[in-house]
C-alpha atoms as a PDB file:
ATOM      1  CA  UNK A   1     -27.994 -11.791  14.567  1.00  0.00           C
ATOM      2  CA  UNK A   2     -25.039  -9.669  15.609  1.00  0.00           C
ATOM      3  CA  UNK A   3     -22.997 -10.562  18.676  1.00  0.00           C
ATOM      4  CA  UNK A   4     -20.810  -8.290  20.843  1.00  0.00           C
ATOM      5  CA  UNK A   5     -17.582  -7.471  19.024  1.00  0.00           C
ATOM      6  CA  UNK A   6     -15.514  -8.717  21.973  1.00  0.00           C
ATOM      7  CA  UNK A   7     -16.599 -12.259  21.196  1.00  0.00           C
ATOM      8  CA  UNK A   8     -14.594 -12.073  17.972  1.00  0.00           C
ATOM      9  CA  UNK A   9     -11.529 -10.016  18.915  1.00  0.00           C
ATOM     10  CA  UNK A  10      -8.154 -11.765  18.661  1.00  0.00           C
ATOM     11  CA  UNK A  11      -9.699 -14.997  17.444  1.00  0.00           C
ATOM     12  CA  UNK A  12      -9.458 -16.993  14.234  1.00  0.00           C
ATOM     13  CA  UNK A  13     -12.817 -18.593  13.553  1.00  0.00           C
ATOM     14  CA  UNK A  14     -13.332 -21.444  11.111  1.00  0.00           C
ATOM     15  CA  UNK A  15     -16.345 -21.117   8.856  1.00  0.00           C
ATOM     16  CA  UNK A  16     -17.860 -19.421   5.818  1.00  0.00           C
ATOM     17  CA  UNK A  17     -16.996 -15.721   5.926  1.00  0.00           C
ATOM     18  CA  UNK A  18     -20.265 -14.743   4.217  1.00  0.00           C
ATOM     19  CA  UNK A  19     -22.141 -16.173   7.198  1.00  0.00           C
ATOM     20  CA  UNK A  20     -19.718 -15.240   9.983  1.00  0.00           C
ATOM     21  CA  UNK A  21     -19.436 -11.570   9.038  1.00  0.00           C
ATOM     22  CA  UNK A  22     -23.204 -11.183   9.483  1.00  0.00           C
ATOM     23  CA  UNK A  23     -22.625 -11.754  13.213  1.00  0.00           C
ATOM     24  CA  UNK A  24     -20.261  -8.763  13.443  1.00  0.00           C
ATOM     25  CA  UNK A  25     -21.974  -5.603  14.768  1.00  0.00           C
ATOM     26  CA  UNK A  26     -22.351  -2.665  12.381  1.00  0.00           C
ATOM     27  CA  UNK A  27     -19.701   0.085  12.508  1.00  0.00           C
ATOM     28  CA  UNK A  28     -17.425  -1.907  14.823  1.00  0.00           C
ATOM     29  CA  UNK A  29     -14.269  -2.573  12.780  1.00  0.00           C
ATOM     30  CA  UNK A  30     -11.484  -0.092  11.964  1.00  0.00           C
ATOM     31  CA  UNK A  31      -9.938  -1.886   8.988  1.00  0.00           C
ATOM     32  CA  UNK A  32     -10.822  -4.786   6.733  1.00  0.00           C
ATOM     33  CA  UNK A  33      -7.852  -6.055   4.788  1.00  0.00           C
ATOM     34  CA  UNK A  34      -7.979  -9.284   2.874  1.00  0.00           C
ATOM     35  CA  UNK A  35      -6.996 -11.273  -0.178  1.00  0.00           C
ATOM     36  CA  UNK A  36      -9.904 -13.452  -1.367  1.00  0.00           C
ATOM     37  CA  UNK A  37      -9.190 -16.659  -3.279  1.00  0.00           C
ATOM     38  CA  UNK A  38      -8.405 -15.640  -6.843  1.00  0.00           C
ATOM     39  CA  UNK A  39     -10.750 -16.675  -9.636  1.00  0.00           C
ATOM     40  CA  UNK A  40      -9.882 -20.178 -10.894  1.00  0.00           C
ATOM     41  CA  UNK A  41      -6.302 -19.945  -9.691  1.00  0.00           C
ATOM     42  CA  UNK A  42      -5.752 -22.478  -6.913  1.00  0.00           C
ATOM     43  CA  UNK A  43      -7.295 -25.289  -4.938  1.00  0.00           C
ATOM     44  CA  UNK A  44      -7.609 -24.056  -1.358  1.00  0.00           C
ATOM     45  CA  UNK A  45      -8.658 -27.380   0.095  1.00  0.00           C
ATOM     46  CA  UNK A  46     -11.463 -28.837  -1.981  1.00  0.00           C
ATOM     47  CA  UNK A  47     -14.284 -26.548  -0.864  1.00  0.00           C
ATOM     48  CA  UNK A  48     -16.461 -26.576  -3.968  1.00  0.00           C
ATOM     49  CA  UNK A  49     -18.710 -23.691  -2.913  1.00  0.00           C
ATOM     50  CA  UNK A  50     -15.826 -21.483  -1.856  1.00  0.00           C
ATOM     51  CA  UNK A  51     -15.347 -18.110  -3.540  1.00  0.00           C
ATOM     52  CA  UNK A  52     -12.945 -18.562  -6.432  1.00  0.00           C
ATOM     53  CA  UNK A  53     -14.486 -21.780  -7.766  1.00  0.00           C
ATOM     54  CA  UNK A  54     -17.211 -20.076  -9.841  1.00  0.00           C
ATOM     55  CA  UNK A  55     -17.628 -20.989 -13.494  1.00  0.00           C
ATOM     56  CA  UNK A  56     -17.643 -17.409 -14.751  1.00  0.00           C
ATOM     57  CA  UNK A  57     -15.816 -14.261 -13.742  1.00  0.00           C
ATOM     58  CA  UNK A  58     -19.137 -12.436 -13.398  1.00  0.00           C
ATOM     59  CA  UNK A  59     -20.267 -14.950 -10.751  1.00  0.00           C
ATOM     60  CA  UNK A  60     -16.988 -14.494  -8.891  1.00  0.00           C
ATOM     61  CA  UNK A  61     -17.391 -10.711  -8.811  1.00  0.00           C
ATOM     62  CA  UNK A  62     -21.015 -11.089  -7.708  1.00  0.00           C
ATOM     63  CA  UNK A  63     -19.985 -13.254  -4.746  1.00  0.00           C
ATOM     64  CA  UNK A  64     -17.257 -10.829  -3.759  1.00  0.00           C
ATOM     65  CA  UNK A  65     -19.837  -8.046  -3.825  1.00  0.00           C
ATOM     66  CA  UNK A  66     -22.024  -9.985  -1.370  1.00  0.00           C
ATOM     67  CA  UNK A  67     -19.103  -9.984   1.046  1.00  0.00           C
ATOM     68  CA  UNK A  68     -18.248  -6.350   0.343  1.00  0.00           C
ATOM     69  CA  UNK A  69     -21.791  -5.244   1.279  1.00  0.00           C
ATOM     70  CA  UNK A  70     -21.183  -6.735   4.731  1.00  0.00           C
ATOM     71  CA  UNK A  71     -17.711  -5.185   4.904  1.00  0.00           C
ATOM     72  CA  UNK A  72     -19.292  -1.803   4.235  1.00  0.00           C
ATOM     73  CA  UNK A  73     -21.787  -2.415   7.035  1.00  0.00           C
ATOM     74  CA  UNK A  74     -19.290  -3.416   9.730  1.00  0.00           C
ATOM     75  CA  UNK A  75     -16.597  -0.830   8.981  1.00  0.00           C
ATOM     76  CA  UNK A  76     -16.542   2.351  11.063  1.00  0.00           C
ATOM     77  CA  UNK A  77     -17.120   5.720   9.437  1.00  0.00           C
ATOM     78  CA  UNK A  78     -13.391   6.549   9.713  1.00  0.00           C
ATOM     79  CA  UNK A  79     -12.302   3.056   8.687  1.00  0.00           C
ATOM     80  CA  UNK A  80     -10.951   1.541   5.482  1.00  0.00           C
ATOM     81  CA  UNK A  81     -11.493  -1.566   3.358  1.00  0.00           C
ATOM     82  CA  UNK A  82      -8.547  -3.012   1.420  1.00  0.00           C
ATOM     83  CA  UNK A  83      -8.947  -5.862  -1.081  1.00  0.00           C
ATOM     84  CA  UNK A  84      -6.044  -7.582  -2.855  1.00  0.00           C
ATOM     85  CA  UNK A  85      -7.203  -9.485  -5.940  1.00  0.00           C
ATOM     86  CA  UNK A  86      -5.184 -11.180  -8.655  1.00  0.00           C
ATOM     87  CA  UNK A  87      -6.084 -11.390 -12.325  1.00  0.00           C
ATOM     88  CA  UNK A  88      -6.687 -14.370 -14.578  1.00  0.00           C
ATOM     89  CA  UNK A  89      -5.945 -15.309 -18.194  1.00  0.00           C
ATOM     90  CA  UNK A  90      -8.658 -17.051 -20.186  1.00  0.00           C
ATOM     91  CA  UNK A  91      -8.247 -17.960 -23.847  1.00  0.00           C
ATOM     92  CA  UNK A  92      -4.910 -16.093 -23.829  1.00  0.00           C
ATOM     93  CA  UNK A  93      -6.554 -12.856 -22.668  1.00  0.00           C
ATOM     94  CA  UNK A  94      -6.566 -11.098 -19.320  1.00  0.00           C
ATOM     95  CA  UNK A  95     -10.027 -10.931 -17.761  1.00  0.00           C
ATOM     96  CA  UNK A  96      -9.292  -7.789 -15.716  1.00  0.00           C
ATOM     97  CA  UNK A  97     -11.108  -9.390 -12.793  1.00  0.00           C
ATOM     98  CA  UNK A  98      -9.734  -7.033 -10.099  1.00  0.00           C
ATOM     99  CA  UNK A  99     -10.883  -3.969 -12.003  1.00  0.00           C
ATOM    100  CA  UNK A 100     -14.297  -5.435 -12.793  1.00  0.00           C
ATOM    101  CA  UNK A 101     -14.708  -5.907  -9.055  1.00  0.00           C
ATOM    102  CA  UNK A 102     -13.550  -2.375  -8.197  1.00  0.00           C
ATOM    103  CA  UNK A 103     -15.872  -0.810 -10.781  1.00  0.00           C
ATOM    104  CA  UNK A 104     -18.851  -2.817  -9.509  1.00  0.00           C
ATOM    105  CA  UNK A 105     -18.128  -1.739  -5.935  1.00  0.00           C
ATOM    106  CA  UNK A 106     -18.061   1.910  -6.990  1.00  0.00           C
ATOM    107  CA  UNK A 107     -21.266   1.486  -8.973  1.00  0.00           C
ATOM    108  CA  UNK A 108     -23.198  -0.324  -6.247  1.00  0.00           C
ATOM    109  CA  UNK A 109     -22.038   1.265  -2.980  1.00  0.00           C
ATOM    110  CA  UNK A 110     -21.447   4.820  -1.689  1.00  0.00           C
ATOM    111  CA  UNK A 111     -17.703   4.328  -1.267  1.00  0.00           C
ATOM    112  CA  UNK A 112     -14.640   6.089  -2.601  1.00  0.00           C
ATOM    113  CA  UNK A 113     -11.557   4.428  -4.037  1.00  0.00           C
ATOM    114  CA  UNK A 114      -8.644   6.290  -2.451  1.00  0.00           C
ATOM    115  CA  UNK A 115      -5.870   4.356  -4.169  1.00  0.00           C
ATOM    116  CA  UNK A 116      -5.132   1.416  -6.399  1.00  0.00           C
ATOM    117  CA  UNK A 117      -1.892   0.426  -4.644  1.00  0.00           C
ATOM    118  CA  UNK A 118       0.331  -1.694  -6.858  1.00  0.00           C
ATOM    119  CA  UNK A 119       2.307  -4.548  -5.339  1.00  0.00           C
ATOM    120  CA  UNK A 120       5.416  -5.085  -7.440  1.00  0.00           C
ATOM    121  CA  UNK A 121       6.702  -8.633  -6.946  1.00  0.00           C
ATOM    122  CA  UNK A 122      10.485  -8.646  -6.804  1.00  0.00           C
ATOM    123  CA  UNK A 123      10.613 -12.414  -7.322  1.00  0.00           C
ATOM    124  CA  UNK A 124       7.703 -13.405  -9.599  1.00  0.00           C
ATOM    125  CA  UNK A 125       7.309 -17.038 -10.613  1.00  0.00           C
ATOM    126  CA  UNK A 126      10.101 -17.725 -13.144  1.00  0.00           C
ATOM    127  CA  UNK A 127       8.284 -18.571 -16.332  1.00  0.00           C
ATOM    128  CA  UNK A 128       9.230 -18.177 -19.963  1.00  0.00           C
ATOM    129  CA  UNK A 129       6.307 -17.112 -22.129  1.00  0.00           C
ATOM    130  CA  UNK A 130       6.811 -16.698 -25.867  1.00  0.00           C
ATOM    131  CA  UNK A 131       3.765 -14.524 -26.499  1.00  0.00           C
ATOM    132  CA  UNK A 132       3.375 -12.406 -23.338  1.00  0.00           C
ATOM    133  CA  UNK A 133       5.335 -10.964 -20.442  1.00  0.00           C
ATOM    134  CA  UNK A 134       5.460 -12.431 -16.959  1.00  0.00           C
ATOM    135  CA  UNK A 135       2.829 -10.915 -14.647  1.00  0.00           C
ATOM    136  CA  UNK A 136       4.585  -9.329 -11.680  1.00  0.00           C
ATOM    137  CA  UNK A 137       2.071  -6.904 -10.136  1.00  0.00           C
ATOM    138  CA  UNK A 138      -1.188  -7.081  -8.189  1.00  0.00           C
ATOM    139  CA  UNK A 139      -3.543  -4.350  -6.967  1.00  0.00           C
ATOM    140  CA  UNK A 140      -4.533  -3.515  -3.401  1.00  0.00           C
ATOM    141  CA  UNK A 141      -7.731  -1.451  -3.626  1.00  0.00           C
ATOM    142  CA  UNK A 142      -8.215   1.019  -0.761  1.00  0.00           C
ATOM    143  CA  UNK A 143     -11.894   1.925  -0.269  1.00  0.00           C
ATOM    144  CA  UNK A 144     -13.437   4.272   2.316  1.00  0.00           C
ATOM    145  CA  UNK A 145     -17.037   5.132   3.250  1.00  0.00           C
ATOM    146  CA  UNK A 146     -16.394   8.769   4.218  1.00  0.00           C
ATOM    147  CA  UNK A 147     -13.840  11.548   3.888  1.00  0.00           C
ATOM    148  CA  UNK A 148     -13.030  11.197   7.593  1.00  0.00           C
ATOM    149  CA  UNK A 149     -10.971   8.005   7.230  1.00  0.00           C
ATOM    150  CA  UNK A 150      -7.960   7.627   9.519  1.00  0.00           C
ATOM    151  CA  UNK A 151      -4.702   8.113   7.615  1.00  0.00           C
ATOM    152  CA  UNK A 152      -1.191   8.268   9.090  1.00  0.00           C
ATOM    153  CA  UNK A 153       0.912   8.952   6.009  1.00  0.00           C
ATOM    154  CA  UNK A 154       4.044   9.738   8.049  1.00  0.00           C
ATOM    155  CA  UNK A 155       4.181   6.138   9.305  1.00  0.00           C
ATOM    156  CA  UNK A 156       3.725   4.582   5.858  1.00  0.00           C
ATOM    157  CA  UNK A 157       7.000   3.293   4.381  1.00  0.00           C
ATOM    158  CA  UNK A 158       9.045   5.256   6.921  1.00  0.00           C
ATOM    159  CA  UNK A 159      11.540   2.415   6.713  1.00  0.00           C
ATOM    160  CA  UNK A 160      12.741   4.058   3.501  1.00  0.00           C
ATOM    161  CA  UNK A 161      13.281   7.352   5.279  1.00  0.00           C
ATOM    162  CA  UNK A 162      15.219   5.743   8.129  1.00  0.00           C
ATOM    163  CA  UNK A 163      17.440   3.892   5.674  1.00  0.00           C
ATOM    164  CA  UNK A 164      18.467   7.074   3.870  1.00  0.00           C
ATOM    165  CA  UNK A 165      21.317   7.935   6.227  1.00  0.00           C
ATOM    166  CA  UNK A 166      23.723   9.077   3.564  1.00  0.00           C
ATOM    167  CA  UNK A 167      23.098  12.640   2.425  1.00  0.00           C
ATOM    168  CA  UNK A 168      23.185  13.618  -1.211  1.00  0.00           C
ATOM    169  CA  UNK A 169      26.692  14.966  -1.573  1.00  0.00           C
ATOM    170  CA  UNK A 170      26.986  17.337   1.373  1.00  0.00           C
ATOM    171  CA  UNK A 171      30.730  17.799   0.866  1.00  0.00           C
ATOM    172  CA  UNK A 172      32.736  20.448  -0.954  1.00  0.00           C
ATOM    173  CA  UNK A 173      31.092  19.692  -4.299  1.00  0.00           C
ATOM    174  CA  UNK A 174      27.559  20.264  -3.033  1.00  0.00           C
ATOM    175  CA  UNK A 175      25.754  22.566  -5.484  1.00  0.00           C
ATOM    176  CA  UNK A 176      28.919  23.146  -7.517  1.00  0.00           C
ATOM    177  CA  UNK A 177      27.212  22.446 -10.836  1.00  0.00           C
ATOM    178  CA  UNK A 178      24.602  25.141 -10.170  1.00  0.00           C
ATOM    179  CA  UNK A 179      27.234  27.881  -9.766  1.00  0.00           C
ATOM    180  CA  UNK A 180      28.473  27.057 -13.251  1.00  0.00           C
ATOM    181  CA  UNK A 181      24.966  26.994 -14.686  1.00  0.00           C
ATOM    182  CA  UNK A 182      24.168  30.377 -13.144  1.00  0.00           C
ATOM    183  CA  UNK A 183      27.343  31.924 -14.565  1.00  0.00           C
ATOM    184  CA  UNK A 184      26.580  30.667 -18.076  1.00  0.00           C
ATOM    185  CA  UNK A 185      22.860  31.419 -17.958  1.00  0.00           C
ATOM    186  CA  UNK A 186      20.894  34.227 -19.645  1.00  0.00           C
ATOM    187  CA  UNK A 187      20.025  35.793 -16.282  1.00  0.00           C
ATOM    188  CA  UNK A 188      20.634  39.483 -15.675  1.00  0.00           C
ATOM    189  CA  UNK A 189      23.578  40.335 -13.417  1.00  0.00           C
ATOM    190  CA  UNK A 190      21.290  41.235 -10.516  1.00  0.00           C
ATOM    191  CA  UNK A 191      19.421  37.932 -10.938  1.00  0.00           C
ATOM    192  CA  UNK A 192      22.717  36.035 -10.974  1.00  0.00           C
ATOM    193  CA  UNK A 193      23.841  37.698  -7.726  1.00  0.00           C
ATOM    194  CA  UNK A 194      20.549  36.844  -6.061  1.00  0.00           C
ATOM    195  CA  UNK A 195      20.681  33.268  -7.361  1.00  0.00           C
ATOM    196  CA  UNK A 196      24.208  32.772  -6.014  1.00  0.00           C
ATOM    197  CA  UNK A 197      23.231  34.224  -2.635  1.00  0.00           C
ATOM    198  CA  UNK A 198      20.189  31.943  -2.260  1.00  0.00           C
ATOM    199  CA  UNK A 199      22.187  28.971  -3.522  1.00  0.00           C
ATOM    200  CA  UNK A 200      24.865  29.531  -0.870  1.00  0.00           C
ATOM    201  CA  UNK A 201      22.168  29.791   1.808  1.00  0.00           C
ATOM    202  CA  UNK A 202      20.471  26.527   0.858  1.00  0.00           C
ATOM    203  CA  UNK A 203      23.828  24.736   0.701  1.00  0.00           C
ATOM    204  CA  UNK A 204      24.467  25.772   4.324  1.00  0.00           C
ATOM    205  CA  UNK A 205      21.030  24.430   5.280  1.00  0.00           C
ATOM    206  CA  UNK A 206      21.948  21.037   3.832  1.00  0.00           C
ATOM    207  CA  UNK A 207      25.364  20.981   5.486  1.00  0.00           C
ATOM    208  CA  UNK A 208      23.862  21.883   8.862  1.00  0.00           C
ATOM    209  CA  UNK A 209      21.276  19.095   8.570  1.00  0.00           C
ATOM    210  CA  UNK A 210      18.214  21.330   8.282  1.00  0.00           C
ATOM    211  CA  UNK A 211      17.557  19.973   4.775  1.00  0.00           C
ATOM    212  CA  UNK A 212      18.170  16.619   3.141  1.00  0.00           C
ATOM    213  CA  UNK A 213      18.967  18.096  -0.273  1.00  0.00           C
ATOM    214  CA  UNK A 214      17.685  20.558  -2.882  1.00  0.00           C
ATOM    215  CA  UNK A 215      17.166  21.105  -6.597  1.00  0.00           C
ATOM    216  CA  UNK A 216      17.554  24.327  -8.562  1.00  0.00           C
ATOM    217  CA  UNK A 217      15.769  25.327 -11.780  1.00  0.00           C
ATOM    218  CA  UNK A 218      17.212  28.176 -13.868  1.00  0.00           C
ATOM    219  CA  UNK A 219      15.465  30.128 -16.617  1.00  0.00           C
ATOM    220  CA  UNK A 220      16.678  29.266 -20.090  1.00  0.00           C
ATOM    221  CA  UNK A 221      18.375  26.070 -18.892  1.00  0.00           C
ATOM    222  CA  UNK A 222      15.633  24.011 -17.290  1.00  0.00           C
ATOM    223  CA  UNK A 223      12.122  23.509 -18.623  1.00  0.00           C
ATOM    224  CA  UNK A 224       9.289  25.331 -16.892  1.00  0.00           C
ATOM    225  CA  UNK A 225       7.242  23.327 -14.355  1.00  0.00           C
ATOM    226  CA  UNK A 226       3.866  21.997 -15.411  1.00  0.00           C
ATOM    227  CA  UNK A 227       0.814  20.452 -13.791  1.00  0.00           C
ATOM    228  CA  UNK A 228       0.368  20.945 -10.060  1.00  0.00           C
ATOM    229  CA  UNK A 229       3.698  22.779  -9.714  1.00  0.00           C
ATOM    230  CA  UNK A 230       2.952  25.396 -12.345  1.00  0.00           C
ATOM    231  CA  UNK A 231       1.792  28.142  -9.997  1.00  0.00           C
ATOM    232  CA  UNK A 232       4.545  28.981  -7.519  1.00  0.00           C
ATOM    233  CA  UNK A 233       7.658  27.568  -9.147  1.00  0.00           C
ATOM    234  CA  UNK A 234       6.824  28.764 -12.647  1.00  0.00           C
ATOM    235  CA  UNK A 235       6.128  32.270 -11.324  1.00  0.00           C
ATOM    236  CA  UNK A 236       9.462  32.332  -9.484  1.00  0.00           C
ATOM    237  CA  UNK A 237      11.391  31.314 -12.582  1.00  0.00           C
ATOM    238  CA  UNK A 238       9.683  33.971 -14.703  1.00  0.00           C
ATOM    239  CA  UNK A 239      10.122  36.770 -12.135  1.00  0.00           C
ATOM    240  CA  UNK A 240      13.420  35.905 -10.403  1.00  0.00           C
ATOM    241  CA  UNK A 241      14.956  33.810 -13.151  1.00  0.00           C
ATOM    242  CA  UNK A 242      15.305  30.740 -10.904  1.00  0.00           C
ATOM    243  CA  UNK A 243      13.630  28.653  -8.201  1.00  0.00           C
ATOM    244  CA  UNK A 244      15.050  26.418  -5.479  1.00  0.00           C
ATOM    245  CA  UNK A 245      13.199  23.269  -4.440  1.00  0.00           C
ATOM    246  CA  UNK A 246      13.993  22.233  -0.871  1.00  0.00           C
ATOM    247  CA  UNK A 247      13.891  18.510  -0.050  1.00  0.00           C
ATOM    248  CA  UNK A 248      13.301  17.611   3.588  1.00  0.00           C
ATOM    249  CA  UNK A 249      14.318  13.973   3.345  1.00  0.00           C
ATOM    250  CA  UNK A 250      11.005  12.132   3.492  1.00  0.00           C
ATOM    251  CA  UNK A 251      10.476   9.863   0.522  1.00  0.00           C
ATOM    252  CA  UNK A 252       7.487  10.504  -1.715  1.00  0.00           C
ATOM    253  CA  UNK A 253       4.621   8.314  -0.550  1.00  0.00           C
ATOM    254  CA  UNK A 254       3.846   6.474  -3.771  1.00  0.00           C
ATOM    255  CA  UNK A 255       1.030   4.061  -4.578  1.00  0.00           C
ATOM    256  CA  UNK A 256       3.597   1.316  -5.207  1.00  0.00           C
ATOM    257  CA  UNK A 257       5.023  -1.229  -2.760  1.00  0.00           C
ATOM    258  CA  UNK A 258       7.901  -3.428  -3.822  1.00  0.00           C
ATOM    259  CA  UNK A 259       8.151  -6.712  -1.973  1.00  0.00           C
ATOM    260  CA  UNK A 260       9.041 -10.347  -2.649  1.00  0.00           C
ATOM    261  CA  UNK A 261       6.397 -13.046  -2.826  1.00  0.00           C
ATOM    262  CA  UNK A 262       6.270 -14.854   0.526  1.00  0.00           C
ATOM    263  CA  UNK A 263       7.543 -18.421   0.652  1.00  0.00           C
ATOM    264  CA  UNK A 264       7.393 -19.952   4.114  1.00  0.00           C
ATOM    265  CA  UNK A 265       8.760 -23.432   4.756  1.00  0.00           C
ATOM    266  CA  UNK A 266       6.067 -25.771   6.008  1.00  0.00           C
ATOM    267  CA  UNK A 267       3.203 -23.360   5.275  1.00  0.00           C
ATOM    268  CA  UNK A 268      -0.043 -25.177   4.458  1.00  0.00           C
ATOM    269  CA  UNK A 269      -1.481 -22.307   2.420  1.00  0.00           C
ATOM    270  CA  UNK A 270      -0.580 -22.170  -1.313  1.00  0.00           C
ATOM    271  CA  UNK A 271      -0.782 -18.370  -1.662  1.00  0.00           C
ATOM    272  CA  UNK A 272       0.632 -16.095   1.050  1.00  0.00           C
ATOM    273  CA  UNK A 273       0.627 -12.353   0.615  1.00  0.00           C
ATOM    274  CA  UNK A 274       3.610 -10.472   2.057  1.00  0.00           C
ATOM    275  CA  UNK A 275       3.490  -9.581   5.726  1.00  0.00           C
ATOM    276  CA  UNK A 276       5.651  -6.549   4.932  1.00  0.00           C
ATOM    277  CA  UNK A 277       2.837  -5.034   2.850  1.00  0.00           C
ATOM    278  CA  UNK A 278       0.234  -5.752   5.523  1.00  0.00           C
ATOM    279  CA  UNK A 279       2.370  -4.098   8.186  1.00  0.00           C
ATOM    280  CA  UNK A 280       2.782  -0.976   6.070  1.00  0.00           C
ATOM    281  CA  UNK A 281      -0.963  -0.724   5.462  1.00  0.00           C
ATOM    282  CA  UNK A 282      -1.677  -1.279   9.157  1.00  0.00           C
ATOM    283  CA  UNK A 283       0.627   1.609  10.025  1.00  0.00           C
ATOM    284  CA  UNK A 284      -1.031   3.786   7.383  1.00  0.00           C
ATOM    285  CA  UNK A 285      -4.671   3.026   8.200  1.00  0.00           C
ATOM    286  CA  UNK A 286      -4.885   2.026  11.881  1.00  0.00           C
ATOM    287  CA  UNK A 287      -3.802   2.995  15.375  1.00  0.00           C
ATOM    288  CA  UNK A 288      -2.586   0.699  18.133  1.00  0.00           C
ATOM    289  CA  UNK A 289      -5.563  -1.090  19.646  1.00  0.00           C
ATOM    290  CA  UNK A 290      -7.732  -0.837  16.520  1.00  0.00           C
ATOM    291  CA  UNK A 291      -9.704  -3.854  15.285  1.00  0.00           C
ATOM    292  CA  UNK A 292      -8.697  -5.416  11.965  1.00  0.00           C
ATOM    293  CA  UNK A 293     -10.820  -8.026  10.191  1.00  0.00           C
ATOM    294  CA  UNK A 294      -9.574 -10.455   7.547  1.00  0.00           C
ATOM    295  CA  UNK A 295     -12.468 -12.551   6.161  1.00  0.00           C
ATOM    296  CA  UNK A 296      -9.992 -14.845   4.364  1.00  0.00           C
ATOM    297  CA  UNK A 297      -7.324 -15.284   7.027  1.00  0.00           C
ATOM    298  CA  UNK A 298      -5.637 -18.232   5.315  1.00  0.00           C
ATOM    299  CA  UNK A 299      -2.135 -18.770   6.677  1.00  0.00           C
ATOM    300  CA  UNK A 300      -2.593 -16.023   9.288  1.00  0.00           C
ATOM    301  CA  UNK A 301      -0.500 -13.218   7.796  1.00  0.00           C
ATOM    302  CA  UNK A 302      -2.884 -10.425   8.823  1.00  0.00           C
ATOM    303  CA  UNK A 303      -3.120 -11.734  12.390  1.00  0.00           C
ATOM    304  CA  UNK A 304       0.681 -12.033  12.642  1.00  0.00           C
ATOM    305  CA  UNK A 305       1.151  -8.432  11.527  1.00  0.00           C
ATOM    306  CA  UNK A 306      -1.565  -7.210  13.907  1.00  0.00           C
ATOM    307  CA  UNK A 307      -0.055  -8.943  16.906  1.00  0.00           C
ATOM    308  CA  UNK A 308       3.412  -7.540  16.169  1.00  0.00           C
ATOM    309  CA  UNK A 309       2.055  -4.000  15.796  1.00  0.00           C
ATOM    310  CA  UNK A 310      -0.375  -4.145  18.756  1.00  0.00           C
ATOM    311  CA  UNK A 311      -3.541  -4.175  16.696  1.00  0.00           C
ATOM    312  CA  UNK A 312      -6.490  -6.467  17.463  1.00  0.00           C
ATOM    313  CA  UNK A 313      -7.405  -9.008  14.797  1.00  0.00           C
ATOM    314  CA  UNK A 314     -10.428 -11.028  13.741  1.00  0.00           C
ATOM    315  CA  UNK A 315      -9.898 -13.831  11.247  1.00  0.00           C
ATOM    316  CA  UNK A 316     -12.254 -16.093   9.319  1.00  0.00           C
ATOM    317  CA  UNK A 317     -11.353 -19.020   7.096  1.00  0.00           C
ATOM    318  CA  UNK A 318     -13.340 -21.964   5.750  1.00  0.00           C
ATOM    319  CA  UNK A 319     -10.401 -24.392   5.824  1.00  0.00           C
ATOM    320  CA  UNK A 320      -9.899 -26.062   9.213  1.00  0.00           C
ATOM    321  CA  UNK A 321      -6.259 -26.899   8.506  1.00  0.00           C
ATOM    322  CA  UNK A 322      -5.420 -23.271   7.739  1.00  0.00           C
ATOM    323  CA  UNK A 323      -7.193 -22.132  10.913  1.00  0.00           C
ATOM    324  CA  UNK A 324      -5.350 -24.598  13.132  1.00  0.00           C
ATOM    325  CA  UNK A 325      -2.005 -23.752  11.540  1.00  0.00           C
ATOM    326  CA  UNK A 326      -2.550 -20.008  11.931  1.00  0.00           C
ATOM    327  CA  UNK A 327      -3.583 -20.368  15.590  1.00  0.00           C
ATOM    328  CA  UNK A 328      -0.514 -22.474  16.361  1.00  0.00           C
ATOM    329  CA  UNK A 329       1.840 -20.089  14.587  1.00  0.00           C
ATOM    330  CA  UNK A 330       0.342 -17.099  16.396  1.00  0.00           C
ATOM    331  CA  UNK A 331       1.651 -18.509  19.667  1.00  0.00           C
ATOM    332  CA  UNK A 332       5.199 -17.941  18.411  1.00  0.00           C
ATOM    333  CA  UNK A 333       4.631 -14.336  17.350  1.00  0.00           C
ATOM    334  CA  UNK A 334       6.225 -11.685  19.532  1.00  0.00           C
ATOM    335  CA  UNK A 335       4.845  -8.168  19.968  1.00  0.00           C
ATOM    336  CA  UNK A 336       6.909  -5.365  18.400  1.00  0.00           C
ATOM    337  CA  UNK A 337       8.751  -7.863  16.201  1.00  0.00           C
ATOM    338  CA  UNK A 338       7.798  -6.048  12.996  1.00  0.00           C
ATOM    339  CA  UNK A 339       9.652  -6.540   9.723  1.00  0.00           C
ATOM    340  CA  UNK A 340      12.400  -3.962   9.264  1.00  0.00           C
ATOM    341  CA  UNK A 341      13.664  -5.341   5.969  1.00  0.00           C
ATOM    342  CA  UNK A 342      12.783  -8.004   3.467  1.00  0.00           C
ATOM    343  CA  UNK A 343      15.111 -10.538   1.884  1.00  0.00           C
ATOM    344  CA  UNK A 344      14.485 -12.371  -1.366  1.00  0.00           C
END
């Protein structure tokens, strides 16, 4: 039977997540973000019935689905569900466990998969395989239950934007190569004059700080745009003989996050996902004061990130030692002490 959500907020509760989540009221959580125990990867404390100890990958996916049904129930209509799952080799072949799970979710529930965000590990475990490459990526699947999900893309990875303080050559050589390309192009004289005029104007915009940088495409020199850019830019090149692409300085928000694997001295948990990634996803998918649930809290990473960014957390974990450690470490966490850089 469901209890008031306030009984869970900002607490780490020890117990089986499949049972505890049933006590959470429906449509009461803004974000669920978690990393379940991977299939046959690690011993998380000798809990034989814990998810991850199944004999077959199909059983593992089935148990994850049982949890996901409850996640779907408790998430708000504008909320998100993010699962990070690692893969497994068996008989020298990848099982594709994360993708089996994602496909089953899409087949069984009315959700949408917004992104398969790839975590690129900058410091993967140093191994030397003779017959395969070292695995250095893991997926974070972002599911939603409606098209009205909260999404603050400007806050996501804005650390990259803030770090780009040096402009792309805004000195005397800015755009110099394009003047030469225009002069030697197949453009008509009138087109060349117009190209030079617009080039000089955009250079002034960069120098004055209105733009971060720009790119220029010239007919007969550069290939025509394709795909989503074909309409406007291709038309400009064909009619005017050139097009200018203005760059406003914000980095492209890609479905890739590069971050080291976390290694924390004295941590009791054998597998810690990076707090940097969790913070970025919190900024992307939640507001201050929102409620974030992690059914596999483990070492407490999600709770740490929530406290620093003024989000409310709920954490479950079956291992008493992990729960006690996370609660103790939370006492040392300071608000607004978010990660501004990572160091390998």
